[in-house]
């Protein structure tokens, strides 16, 4: 839930009629569903903007509304609200006053991880009851890139290496412009949509660029499903030990697996 809206003391409790809470919860549900259809990450600020200043000042009420919206989404739509984290790039302090730099430094230190929190909706239904994937070509691209990342020793894939692998799979390239008959402009799909939507992260290391897992990928697909995708790529020949090692890697655990 939204810990930033946790009760802060009796003076902030406030009350709101049940009917008002239900109305506000419905507003949150509609907003989250719309963001889900856009494959957009939703920030706490996005949700806060749904409430007027009076409601926002009563953090307990906002927290109750958000929990009620979560219940509606789960019971009526089979959707679960999942909190994900995304790395925040360092902000330049050039041109800022000493006071501003100090405040920015304190904020970065308090956050610690340098990550921003977002929310996404994922299906809570069993796999067999979920609706079929609408765009299997895009899913295939996402699965391929995710598999390459997971199989890499450093848990990321070099941009040049990725282009080479995609060319082997029928993606045409002119320099760094990629195109596929079904996917269209693959470069734009990857850079503008999949990264922006949180499926992947892109970062520079020296002169090279690398792709790694994004927060939405973990939340929507899950590590177990990713490993099964890799197994299918290898024709179902992966043994249980290898699958377990890959799953541990995907979960960020580097402990060895005993036979």
C-alpha atoms as a PDB file:
ATOM      1  CA  UNK A   1       0.000   0.000   0.000  1.00  0.00           C
ATOM      2  CA  UNK A   2       1.033   3.652  -0.049  1.00  0.00           C
ATOM      3  CA  UNK A   3       3.203   4.050   3.030  1.00  0.00           C
ATOM      4  CA  UNK A   4       3.556   7.774   2.363  1.00  0.00           C
ATOM      5  CA  UNK A   5      -0.139   8.030   3.293  1.00  0.00           C
ATOM      6  CA  UNK A   6       0.223   6.131   6.548  1.00  0.00           C
ATOM      7  CA  UNK A   7      -1.388   7.741   9.621  1.00  0.00           C
ATOM      8  CA  UNK A   8       0.805  10.450  11.107  1.00  0.00           C
ATOM      9  CA  UNK A   9      -1.109  11.092  14.336  1.00  0.00           C
ATOM     10  CA  UNK A  10      -4.588  11.834  15.693  1.00  0.00           C
ATOM     11  CA  UNK A  11      -4.590  15.393  14.338  1.00  0.00           C
ATOM     12  CA  UNK A  12      -4.467  14.070  10.778  1.00  0.00           C
ATOM     13  CA  UNK A  13      -6.995  11.282  11.013  1.00  0.00           C
ATOM     14  CA  UNK A  14     -10.065  13.080   9.710  1.00  0.00           C
ATOM     15  CA  UNK A  15     -13.074  11.239   8.391  1.00  0.00           C
ATOM     16  CA  UNK A  16     -14.925  10.965   5.135  1.00  0.00           C
ATOM     17  CA  UNK A  17     -18.368   9.465   4.482  1.00  0.00           C
ATOM     18  CA  UNK A  18     -18.320   5.930   3.062  1.00  0.00           C
ATOM     19  CA  UNK A  19     -20.135   7.089  -0.081  1.00  0.00           C
ATOM     20  CA  UNK A  20     -17.447   9.708  -0.698  1.00  0.00           C
ATOM     21  CA  UNK A  21     -14.675   7.149  -0.248  1.00  0.00           C
ATOM     22  CA  UNK A  22     -16.377   4.766  -2.677  1.00  0.00           C
ATOM     23  CA  UNK A  23     -16.712   7.544  -5.240  1.00  0.00           C
ATOM     24  CA  UNK A  24     -13.048   8.469  -4.903  1.00  0.00           C
ATOM     25  CA  UNK A  25     -11.999   4.811  -5.032  1.00  0.00           C
ATOM     26  CA  UNK A  26     -13.939   4.430  -8.284  1.00  0.00           C
ATOM     27  CA  UNK A  27     -12.050   7.413  -9.651  1.00  0.00           C
ATOM     28  CA  UNK A  28      -8.720   5.790  -8.734  1.00  0.00           C
ATOM     29  CA  UNK A  29      -9.813   2.489 -10.309  1.00  0.00           C
ATOM     30  CA  UNK A  30     -10.760   4.161 -13.604  1.00  0.00           C
ATOM     31  CA  UNK A  31      -7.487   6.072 -13.653  1.00  0.00           C
ATOM     32  CA  UNK A  32      -5.349   2.979 -12.986  1.00  0.00           C
ATOM     33  CA  UNK A  33      -7.217   0.965 -15.620  1.00  0.00           C
ATOM     34  CA  UNK A  34      -6.694   3.738 -18.169  1.00  0.00           C
ATOM     35  CA  UNK A  35      -2.974   3.863 -17.336  1.00  0.00           C
ATOM     36  CA  UNK A  36      -2.834   0.082 -17.641  1.00  0.00           C
ATOM     37  CA  UNK A  37      -4.324   0.193 -21.137  1.00  0.00           C
ATOM     38  CA  UNK A  38      -1.625   2.735 -22.040  1.00  0.00           C
ATOM     39  CA  UNK A  39       1.077   0.497 -20.498  1.00  0.00           C
ATOM     40  CA  UNK A  40       2.085   3.539 -18.458  1.00  0.00           C
ATOM     41  CA  UNK A  41       3.758   3.548 -15.053  1.00  0.00           C
ATOM     42  CA  UNK A  42       1.738   5.412 -12.417  1.00  0.00           C
ATOM     43  CA  UNK A  43       3.504   7.479  -9.774  1.00  0.00           C
ATOM     44  CA  UNK A  44       2.229   8.483  -6.353  1.00  0.00           C
ATOM     45  CA  UNK A  45       2.055  12.041  -7.612  1.00  0.00           C
ATOM     46  CA  UNK A  46      -0.238  10.912 -10.437  1.00  0.00           C
ATOM     47  CA  UNK A  47      -2.626   9.387  -7.899  1.00  0.00           C
ATOM     48  CA  UNK A  48      -2.429  12.344  -5.518  1.00  0.00           C
ATOM     49  CA  UNK A  49      -3.551  14.675  -8.296  1.00  0.00           C
ATOM     50  CA  UNK A  50      -6.881  12.834  -8.398  1.00  0.00           C
ATOM     51  CA  UNK A  51      -7.820  14.331  -5.025  1.00  0.00           C
ATOM     52  CA  UNK A  52      -8.546  17.918  -4.131  1.00  0.00           C
ATOM     53  CA  UNK A  53      -6.379  19.709  -1.594  1.00  0.00           C
ATOM     54  CA  UNK A  54      -8.737  19.023   1.307  1.00  0.00           C
ATOM     55  CA  UNK A  55      -8.667  15.256   0.720  1.00  0.00           C
ATOM     56  CA  UNK A  56      -4.894  15.217   0.133  1.00  0.00           C
ATOM     57  CA  UNK A  57      -4.404  16.878   3.516  1.00  0.00           C
ATOM     58  CA  UNK A  58      -6.106  13.902   5.196  1.00  0.00           C
ATOM     59  CA  UNK A  59      -3.546  11.203   4.472  1.00  0.00           C
ATOM     60  CA  UNK A  60      -5.423   8.495   6.317  1.00  0.00           C
ATOM     61  CA  UNK A  61      -8.463   9.052   4.084  1.00  0.00           C
ATOM     62  CA  UNK A  62      -6.303   8.862   0.954  1.00  0.00           C
ATOM     63  CA  UNK A  63      -4.751   5.621   2.202  1.00  0.00           C
ATOM     64  CA  UNK A  64      -8.197   4.148   2.878  1.00  0.00           C
ATOM     65  CA  UNK A  65      -9.399   5.177  -0.580  1.00  0.00           C
ATOM     66  CA  UNK A  66      -6.358   3.607  -2.218  1.00  0.00           C
ATOM     67  CA  UNK A  67      -6.855   0.333  -0.334  1.00  0.00           C
ATOM     68  CA  UNK A  68     -10.534   0.335  -1.309  1.00  0.00           C
ATOM     69  CA  UNK A  69      -9.544   0.856  -4.954  1.00  0.00           C
ATOM     70  CA  UNK A  70      -7.155  -2.093  -4.672  1.00  0.00           C
ATOM     71  CA  UNK A  71      -9.994  -4.255  -3.358  1.00  0.00           C
ATOM     72  CA  UNK A  72     -12.300  -3.213  -6.221  1.00  0.00           C
ATOM     73  CA  UNK A  73      -9.616  -3.950  -8.814  1.00  0.00           C
ATOM     74  CA  UNK A  74      -8.924  -7.399  -7.388  1.00  0.00           C
ATOM     75  CA  UNK A  75     -12.516  -8.487  -6.778  1.00  0.00           C
ATOM     76  CA  UNK A  76     -14.143  -6.965  -9.873  1.00  0.00           C
ATOM     77  CA  UNK A  77     -11.369  -7.020 -12.477  1.00  0.00           C
ATOM     78  CA  UNK A  78      -8.957  -9.675 -11.240  1.00  0.00           C
ATOM     79  CA  UNK A  79      -6.163  -7.086 -11.264  1.00  0.00           C
ATOM     80  CA  UNK A  80      -3.563  -6.534  -8.568  1.00  0.00           C
ATOM     81  CA  UNK A  81      -1.776  -3.246  -7.850  1.00  0.00           C
ATOM     82  CA  UNK A  82       1.970  -3.899  -7.667  1.00  0.00           C
ATOM     83  CA  UNK A  83       4.572  -1.391  -6.506  1.00  0.00           C
ATOM     84  CA  UNK A  84       7.696  -1.318  -8.676  1.00  0.00           C
ATOM     85  CA  UNK A  85      10.909   0.683  -8.454  1.00  0.00           C
ATOM     86  CA  UNK A  86      12.809   2.459 -11.170  1.00  0.00           C
ATOM     87  CA  UNK A  87      16.309   3.870 -10.980  1.00  0.00           C
ATOM     88  CA  UNK A  88      16.510   7.652 -10.949  1.00  0.00           C
ATOM     89  CA  UNK A  89      19.343   9.229 -12.890  1.00  0.00           C
ATOM     90  CA  UNK A  90      21.541  11.595 -10.924  1.00  0.00           C
ATOM     91  CA  UNK A  91      20.485  15.199 -11.217  1.00  0.00           C
ATOM     92  CA  UNK A  92      23.053  17.819 -12.112  1.00  0.00           C
ATOM     93  CA  UNK A  93      23.640  20.488  -9.471  1.00  0.00           C
ATOM     94  CA  UNK A  94      25.219  22.928 -11.896  1.00  0.00           C
ATOM     95  CA  UNK A  95      23.774  26.419 -11.506  1.00  0.00           C
ATOM     96  CA  UNK A  96      22.059  25.612  -8.211  1.00  0.00           C
ATOM     97  CA  UNK A  97      22.618  27.619  -5.057  1.00  0.00           C
ATOM     98  CA  UNK A  98      24.463  26.099  -2.099  1.00  0.00           C
ATOM     99  CA  UNK A  99      21.163  25.725  -0.250  1.00  0.00           C
ATOM    100  CA  UNK A 100      19.517  23.968  -3.203  1.00  0.00           C
ATOM    101  CA  UNK A 101      22.480  21.613  -3.575  1.00  0.00           C
ATOM    102  CA  UNK A 102      22.294  20.811   0.134  1.00  0.00           C
ATOM    103  CA  UNK A 103      18.571  20.032  -0.036  1.00  0.00           C
ATOM    104  CA  UNK A 104      19.065  17.852  -3.136  1.00  0.00           C
ATOM    105  CA  UNK A 105      21.884  15.995  -1.423  1.00  0.00           C
ATOM    106  CA  UNK A 106      19.758  15.345   1.668  1.00  0.00           C
ATOM    107  CA  UNK A 107      16.868  14.116  -0.489  1.00  0.00           C
ATOM    108  CA  UNK A 108      19.110  11.712  -2.387  1.00  0.00           C
ATOM    109  CA  UNK A 109      20.577  10.413   0.861  1.00  0.00           C
ATOM    110  CA  UNK A 110      17.157   9.869   2.434  1.00  0.00           C
ATOM    111  CA  UNK A 111      15.981   7.896  -0.584  1.00  0.00           C
ATOM    112  CA  UNK A 112      19.158   5.832  -0.373  1.00  0.00           C
ATOM    113  CA  UNK A 113      18.585   3.585  -3.353  1.00  0.00           C
ATOM    114  CA  UNK A 114      18.086   6.394  -5.860  1.00  0.00           C
ATOM    115  CA  UNK A 115      14.840   4.771  -6.989  1.00  0.00           C
ATOM    116  CA  UNK A 116      11.392   6.144  -7.678  1.00  0.00           C
ATOM    117  CA  UNK A 117       8.255   4.194  -6.774  1.00  0.00           C
ATOM    118  CA  UNK A 118       5.530   3.479  -9.313  1.00  0.00           C
ATOM    119  CA  UNK A 119       2.453   1.292  -9.571  1.00  0.00           C
ATOM    120  CA  UNK A 120       1.380  -1.132 -12.297  1.00  0.00           C
ATOM    121  CA  UNK A 121      -1.579  -3.470 -12.652  1.00  0.00           C
ATOM    122  CA  UNK A 122      -0.953  -7.164 -13.179  1.00  0.00           C
ATOM    123  CA  UNK A 123      -3.440  -9.968 -13.619  1.00  0.00           C
ATOM    124  CA  UNK A 124      -4.189 -11.955 -10.471  1.00  0.00           C
ATOM    125  CA  UNK A 125      -5.966 -14.657 -12.482  1.00  0.00           C
ATOM    126  CA  UNK A 126      -4.450 -18.108 -13.018  1.00  0.00           C
ATOM    127  CA  UNK A 127      -2.552 -18.360 -16.302  1.00  0.00           C
ATOM    128  CA  UNK A 128      -5.220 -20.545 -17.907  1.00  0.00           C
ATOM    129  CA  UNK A 129      -7.941 -17.950 -17.201  1.00  0.00           C
ATOM    130  CA  UNK A 130      -6.071 -14.935 -18.534  1.00  0.00           C
ATOM    131  CA  UNK A 131      -7.111 -13.476 -21.902  1.00  0.00           C
ATOM    132  CA  UNK A 132      -4.849 -14.302 -24.857  1.00  0.00           C
ATOM    133  CA  UNK A 133      -2.009 -11.927 -25.688  1.00  0.00           C
ATOM    134  CA  UNK A 134      -3.161  -9.446 -28.322  1.00  0.00           C
ATOM    135  CA  UNK A 135       0.213  -8.724 -29.920  1.00  0.00           C
ATOM    136  CA  UNK A 136       2.298 -11.873 -29.934  1.00  0.00           C
ATOM    137  CA  UNK A 137       4.994 -10.261 -32.085  1.00  0.00           C
ATOM    138  CA  UNK A 138       5.724  -7.665 -29.401  1.00  0.00           C
ATOM    139  CA  UNK A 139       5.646 -10.359 -26.703  1.00  0.00           C
ATOM    140  CA  UNK A 140       8.135 -12.326 -28.772  1.00  0.00           C
ATOM    141  CA  UNK A 141      10.466  -9.327 -28.951  1.00  0.00           C
ATOM    142  CA  UNK A 142      10.184  -8.672 -25.227  1.00  0.00           C
ATOM    143  CA  UNK A 143      10.786 -12.354 -24.441  1.00  0.00           C
ATOM    144  CA  UNK A 144      13.819 -12.516 -26.729  1.00  0.00           C
ATOM    145  CA  UNK A 145      15.489  -9.440 -25.219  1.00  0.00           C
ATOM    146  CA  UNK A 146      14.646 -10.584 -21.690  1.00  0.00           C
ATOM    147  CA  UNK A 147      16.174 -14.001 -22.393  1.00  0.00           C
ATOM    148  CA  UNK A 148      19.389 -12.453 -23.705  1.00  0.00           C
ATOM    149  CA  UNK A 149      19.644 -10.290 -20.579  1.00  0.00           C
ATOM    150  CA  UNK A 150      19.018 -13.215 -18.253  1.00  0.00           C
ATOM    151  CA  UNK A 151      21.616 -15.411 -19.969  1.00  0.00           C
ATOM    152  CA  UNK A 152      24.302 -12.725 -19.880  1.00  0.00           C
ATOM    153  CA  UNK A 153      26.827 -13.087 -17.007  1.00  0.00           C
ATOM    154  CA  UNK A 154      26.463  -9.389 -16.161  1.00  0.00           C
ATOM    155  CA  UNK A 155      22.653  -9.457 -16.338  1.00  0.00           C
ATOM    156  CA  UNK A 156      22.536  -6.963 -19.222  1.00  0.00           C
ATOM    157  CA  UNK A 157      22.944  -7.051 -22.985  1.00  0.00           C
ATOM    158  CA  UNK A 158      25.184  -4.817 -25.070  1.00  0.00           C
ATOM    159  CA  UNK A 159      23.296  -2.773 -27.687  1.00  0.00           C
ATOM    160  CA  UNK A 160      25.547  -3.953 -30.533  1.00  0.00           C
ATOM    161  CA  UNK A 161      25.172  -7.557 -29.407  1.00  0.00           C
ATOM    162  CA  UNK A 162      21.397  -7.138 -29.222  1.00  0.00           C
ATOM    163  CA  UNK A 163      21.261  -5.777 -32.783  1.00  0.00           C
ATOM    164  CA  UNK A 164      23.279  -8.778 -33.973  1.00  0.00           C
ATOM    165  CA  UNK A 165      20.918 -11.245 -32.290  1.00  0.00           C
ATOM    166  CA  UNK A 166      17.838  -9.502 -33.672  1.00  0.00           C
ATOM    167  CA  UNK A 167      19.301  -9.552 -37.187  1.00  0.00           C
ATOM    168  CA  UNK A 168      19.640 -13.327 -36.876  1.00  0.00           C
ATOM    169  CA  UNK A 169      15.918 -13.436 -36.076  1.00  0.00           C
ATOM    170  CA  UNK A 170      14.918 -11.527 -39.205  1.00  0.00           C
ATOM    171  CA  UNK A 171      15.069  -7.928 -38.018  1.00  0.00           C
ATOM    172  CA  UNK A 172      16.555  -5.710 -40.716  1.00  0.00           C
ATOM    173  CA  UNK A 173      19.013  -3.001 -39.730  1.00  0.00           C
ATOM    174  CA  UNK A 174      20.462   0.087 -41.317  1.00  0.00           C
ATOM    175  CA  UNK A 175      22.993   1.256 -38.801  1.00  0.00           C
ATOM    176  CA  UNK A 176      20.986   1.439 -35.568  1.00  0.00           C
ATOM    177  CA  UNK A 177      17.616   1.705 -37.306  1.00  0.00           C
ATOM    178  CA  UNK A 178      15.835  -1.631 -36.937  1.00  0.00           C
ATOM    179  CA  UNK A 179      12.768  -2.756 -38.858  1.00  0.00           C
ATOM    180  CA  UNK A 180      10.601  -5.864 -38.905  1.00  0.00           C
ATOM    181  CA  UNK A 181       7.637  -6.731 -41.187  1.00  0.00           C
ATOM    182  CA  UNK A 182       5.284  -7.336 -38.230  1.00  0.00           C
ATOM    183  CA  UNK A 183       6.756  -4.994 -35.647  1.00  0.00           C
ATOM    184  CA  UNK A 184       7.485  -2.047 -37.914  1.00  0.00           C
ATOM    185  CA  UNK A 185      10.124   0.338 -36.556  1.00  0.00           C
ATOM    186  CA  UNK A 186      11.764  -1.847 -33.904  1.00  0.00           C
ATOM    187  CA  UNK A 187      14.127   0.922 -32.789  1.00  0.00           C
ATOM    188  CA  UNK A 188      11.220   3.224 -31.985  1.00  0.00           C
ATOM    189  CA  UNK A 189       9.272   0.389 -30.346  1.00  0.00           C
ATOM    190  CA  UNK A 190      12.194  -0.392 -28.071  1.00  0.00           C
ATOM    191  CA  UNK A 191      13.370   3.129 -27.263  1.00  0.00           C
ATOM    192  CA  UNK A 192      10.089   5.053 -27.169  1.00  0.00           C
ATOM    193  CA  UNK A 193       7.619   2.451 -25.932  1.00  0.00           C
ATOM    194  CA  UNK A 194       9.205  -0.526 -24.157  1.00  0.00           C
ATOM    195  CA  UNK A 195      11.739   1.509 -22.199  1.00  0.00           C
ATOM    196  CA  UNK A 196       9.298   4.303 -21.397  1.00  0.00           C
ATOM    197  CA  UNK A 197       6.707   1.760 -20.284  1.00  0.00           C
ATOM    198  CA  UNK A 198       9.232   0.184 -17.923  1.00  0.00           C
ATOM    199  CA  UNK A 199       9.869  -3.169 -19.591  1.00  0.00           C
ATOM    200  CA  UNK A 200      13.576  -2.420 -19.978  1.00  0.00           C
ATOM    201  CA  UNK A 201      16.181   0.032 -18.725  1.00  0.00           C
ATOM    202  CA  UNK A 202      18.940   1.491 -20.898  1.00  0.00           C
ATOM    203  CA  UNK A 203      22.170   2.884 -19.533  1.00  0.00           C
ATOM    204  CA  UNK A 204      25.536   3.950 -20.889  1.00  0.00           C
ATOM    205  CA  UNK A 205      28.800   2.498 -19.626  1.00  0.00           C
ATOM    206  CA  UNK A 206      31.624   4.430 -21.218  1.00  0.00           C
ATOM    207  CA  UNK A 207      31.001   4.492 -24.962  1.00  0.00           C
ATOM    208  CA  UNK A 208      28.638   1.514 -24.936  1.00  0.00           C
ATOM    209  CA  UNK A 209      24.939   1.193 -24.172  1.00  0.00           C
ATOM    210  CA  UNK A 210      23.352  -1.707 -22.332  1.00  0.00           C
ATOM    211  CA  UNK A 211      19.806  -2.978 -21.770  1.00  0.00           C
ATOM    212  CA  UNK A 212      18.645  -4.547 -18.511  1.00  0.00           C
ATOM    213  CA  UNK A 213      15.367  -5.589 -16.891  1.00  0.00           C
ATOM    214  CA  UNK A 214      12.825  -2.861 -16.199  1.00  0.00           C
ATOM    215  CA  UNK A 215      10.380  -2.899 -13.274  1.00  0.00           C
ATOM    216  CA  UNK A 216       7.295  -3.725 -15.364  1.00  0.00           C
ATOM    217  CA  UNK A 217       8.944  -6.800 -16.878  1.00  0.00           C
ATOM    218  CA  UNK A 218       9.442  -8.405 -13.487  1.00  0.00           C
ATOM    219  CA  UNK A 219       5.956  -7.466 -12.296  1.00  0.00           C
ATOM    220  CA  UNK A 220       4.006  -8.576 -15.381  1.00  0.00           C
ATOM    221  CA  UNK A 221       5.888 -11.615 -16.624  1.00  0.00           C
ATOM    222  CA  UNK A 222       7.604 -12.907 -13.502  1.00  0.00           C
ATOM    223  CA  UNK A 223      10.899 -14.738 -13.242  1.00  0.00           C
ATOM    224  CA  UNK A 224       9.365 -18.193 -13.480  1.00  0.00           C
ATOM    225  CA  UNK A 225       7.697 -17.390 -16.789  1.00  0.00           C
ATOM    226  CA  UNK A 226      10.933 -15.877 -18.115  1.00  0.00           C
ATOM    227  CA  UNK A 227      12.810 -19.064 -17.374  1.00  0.00           C
ATOM    228  CA  UNK A 228      10.116 -21.106 -19.117  1.00  0.00           C
ATOM    229  CA  UNK A 229      10.485 -18.855 -22.185  1.00  0.00           C
ATOM    230  CA  UNK A 230      14.208 -19.567 -22.279  1.00  0.00           C
ATOM    231  CA  UNK A 231      13.504 -23.272 -21.927  1.00  0.00           C
ATOM    232  CA  UNK A 232      11.219 -23.082 -24.973  1.00  0.00           C
ATOM    233  CA  UNK A 233      13.940 -21.295 -26.946  1.00  0.00           C
ATOM    234  CA  UNK A 234      16.248 -24.228 -26.140  1.00  0.00           C
ATOM    235  CA  UNK A 235      13.593 -26.718 -27.190  1.00  0.00           C
ATOM    236  CA  UNK A 236      12.675 -27.723 -23.654  1.00  0.00           C
ATOM    237  CA  UNK A 237      16.131 -29.196 -23.001  1.00  0.00           C
ATOM    238  CA  UNK A 238      17.029 -27.248 -19.851  1.00  0.00           C
ATOM    239  CA  UNK A 239      17.355 -29.424 -16.757  1.00  0.00           C
ATOM    240  CA  UNK A 240      15.807 -28.485 -13.402  1.00  0.00           C
ATOM    241  CA  UNK A 241      19.143 -27.348 -11.913  1.00  0.00           C
ATOM    242  CA  UNK A 242      19.741 -24.893 -14.768  1.00  0.00           C
ATOM    243  CA  UNK A 243      16.187 -23.581 -14.514  1.00  0.00           C
ATOM    244  CA  UNK A 244      16.591 -23.016 -10.792  1.00  0.00           C
ATOM    245  CA  UNK A 245      19.912 -21.212 -11.296  1.00  0.00           C
ATOM    246  CA  UNK A 246      18.347 -18.951 -13.926  1.00  0.00           C
ATOM    247  CA  UNK A 247      15.403 -18.191 -11.663  1.00  0.00           C
ATOM    248  CA  UNK A 248      17.726 -17.294  -8.805  1.00  0.00           C
ATOM    249  CA  UNK A 249      19.654 -14.998 -11.139  1.00  0.00           C
ATOM    250  CA  UNK A 250      16.450 -13.346 -12.279  1.00  0.00           C
ATOM    251  CA  UNK A 251      15.449 -12.817  -8.651  1.00  0.00           C
ATOM    252  CA  UNK A 252      18.820 -11.180  -8.019  1.00  0.00           C
ATOM    253  CA  UNK A 253      20.154 -14.039  -5.879  1.00  0.00           C
ATOM    254  CA  UNK A 254      23.653 -15.224  -6.707  1.00  0.00           C
ATOM    255  CA  UNK A 255      23.810 -18.236  -4.389  1.00  0.00           C
ATOM    256  CA  UNK A 256      24.944 -21.555  -5.915  1.00  0.00           C
ATOM    257  CA  UNK A 257      22.409 -24.337  -6.324  1.00  0.00           C
ATOM    258  CA  UNK A 258      23.330 -27.718  -4.927  1.00  0.00           C
ATOM    259  CA  UNK A 259      22.678 -30.790  -7.039  1.00  0.00           C
END
